[in-house]
Structure formats: C-alpha cells, structure tokens
Protein backbone atom coordinates (compact mmCIF):
# COMPACT_ATOMS: atom_id res chain seq x y z
CA UNK A 1 101.53 -66.12 -25.14
CA UNK A 2 102.01 -68.86 -22.52
CA UNK A 3 100.18 -72.16 -22.68
CA UNK A 4 96.72 -72.21 -21.09
CA UNK A 5 96.43 -74.87 -18.38
CA UNK A 6 93.08 -76.57 -18.03
CA UNK A 7 91.27 -75.74 -14.77
CA UNK A 8 90.87 -79.42 -13.91
CA UNK A 9 94.61 -80.03 -14.26
CA UNK A 10 95.45 -76.81 -12.41
CA UNK A 11 93.47 -77.95 -9.36
CA UNK A 12 95.55 -81.12 -9.18
CA UNK A 13 98.85 -79.21 -9.55
CA UNK A 14 98.13 -75.97 -7.69
CA UNK A 15 101.12 -76.20 -5.38
CA UNK A 16 103.52 -76.67 -8.31
CA UNK A 17 101.86 -73.88 -10.28
CA UNK A 18 102.27 -71.50 -7.35
CA UNK A 19 105.97 -72.40 -7.15
CA UNK A 20 106.36 -71.73 -10.87
CA UNK A 21 104.49 -68.41 -10.66
CA UNK A 22 106.57 -67.19 -7.72
CA UNK A 23 109.68 -68.09 -9.73
CA UNK A 24 108.51 -65.65 -12.42
CA UNK A 25 106.74 -67.91 -14.90
CA UNK A 26 103.52 -66.67 -16.49
CA UNK A 27 100.71 -69.12 -15.65
CA UNK A 28 97.33 -68.96 -17.40
CA UNK A 29 94.41 -71.09 -16.26
CA UNK A 30 91.42 -71.57 -18.49
CA UNK A 31 88.50 -73.64 -19.58
CA UNK A 32 88.19 -75.27 -23.00
CA UNK A 33 91.49 -73.69 -24.07
CA UNK A 34 90.30 -70.15 -23.36
CA UNK A 35 92.24 -68.23 -20.69
CA UNK A 36 90.23 -67.20 -17.63
CA UNK A 37 92.79 -66.14 -15.03
CA UNK A 38 96.49 -65.42 -14.65
CA UNK A 39 98.36 -66.77 -11.63
CA UNK A 40 100.79 -64.13 -10.38
CA UNK A 41 102.71 -63.71 -7.12
CA UNK A 42 101.69 -61.02 -4.65
CA UNK A 43 104.20 -58.18 -4.64
CA UNK A 44 105.46 -56.38 -1.56
CA UNK A 45 104.83 -59.11 1.00
CA UNK A 46 106.98 -58.55 4.06
CA UNK A 47 108.52 -61.62 5.68
CA UNK A 48 107.20 -62.63 9.07
CA UNK A 49 108.81 -60.89 12.00
CA UNK A 50 109.55 -63.38 14.79
CA UNK A 51 108.68 -62.17 18.25
CA UNK A 52 105.85 -59.90 17.17
CA UNK A 53 103.80 -60.89 20.25
CA UNK A 54 106.77 -61.05 22.62
CA UNK A 55 105.79 -59.87 26.07
CA UNK A 56 102.08 -60.59 25.57
CA UNK A 57 100.70 -61.66 28.93
CA UNK A 58 98.08 -64.40 29.11
CA UNK A 59 95.93 -64.00 32.22
CA UNK A 60 95.86 -66.97 34.59
CA UNK A 61 92.03 -66.76 34.64
CA UNK A 62 92.04 -68.09 31.09
CA UNK A 63 92.84 -71.55 32.47
CA UNK A 64 90.24 -71.53 35.26
CA UNK A 65 87.44 -74.11 34.96
CA UNK A 66 84.16 -72.90 33.48
CA UNK A 67 81.21 -72.25 35.74
CA UNK A 68 78.23 -74.61 35.52
CA UNK A 69 76.25 -71.96 33.59
CA UNK A 70 79.04 -71.61 31.00
CA UNK A 71 79.41 -75.37 30.70
CA UNK A 72 75.67 -75.70 30.09
CA UNK A 73 75.98 -73.34 27.12
CA UNK A 74 78.42 -75.76 25.47
CA UNK A 75 76.12 -78.77 25.79
C-alpha cells in the first residue's frame, strides 16, 4: 500500500502530486494517517484539436458602443 500523504502537505504540493499521478504513481491523500482519497489521472481525455472554431464569424455589431440605456445598467 502506498504512503498516505497528509492533506495539508498535499495542498502545498498539488501540482507535483498531479505530475506523479499522471506518470502512473499511486497517490493517497488522507488525514491523521488514514487514507481519504486516491489521486488518479482521468482516462480517455482527447488532446485539444487546434482550429475547432475556425471560420467562426464575429459580428461587427459586437464592437458597437452601448446605448445610454445599456450603459446605465452597468452603473
């Protein structure tokens, strides 16, 4: 059984623990030496696909100034 990491210490080292878990290491986080949770990587994540929104048109009206009524709502 892997070592149980204290919750307080795990908060300070979360980024490193995530790296270790994604590398295949079994990470247990607990309180008072008793395991509470297991940190495991998510399986089946697809890598980002660049250009997913390619061709999306942004209307020119988006950049028009707000009317006085709309501006008043923000104040």
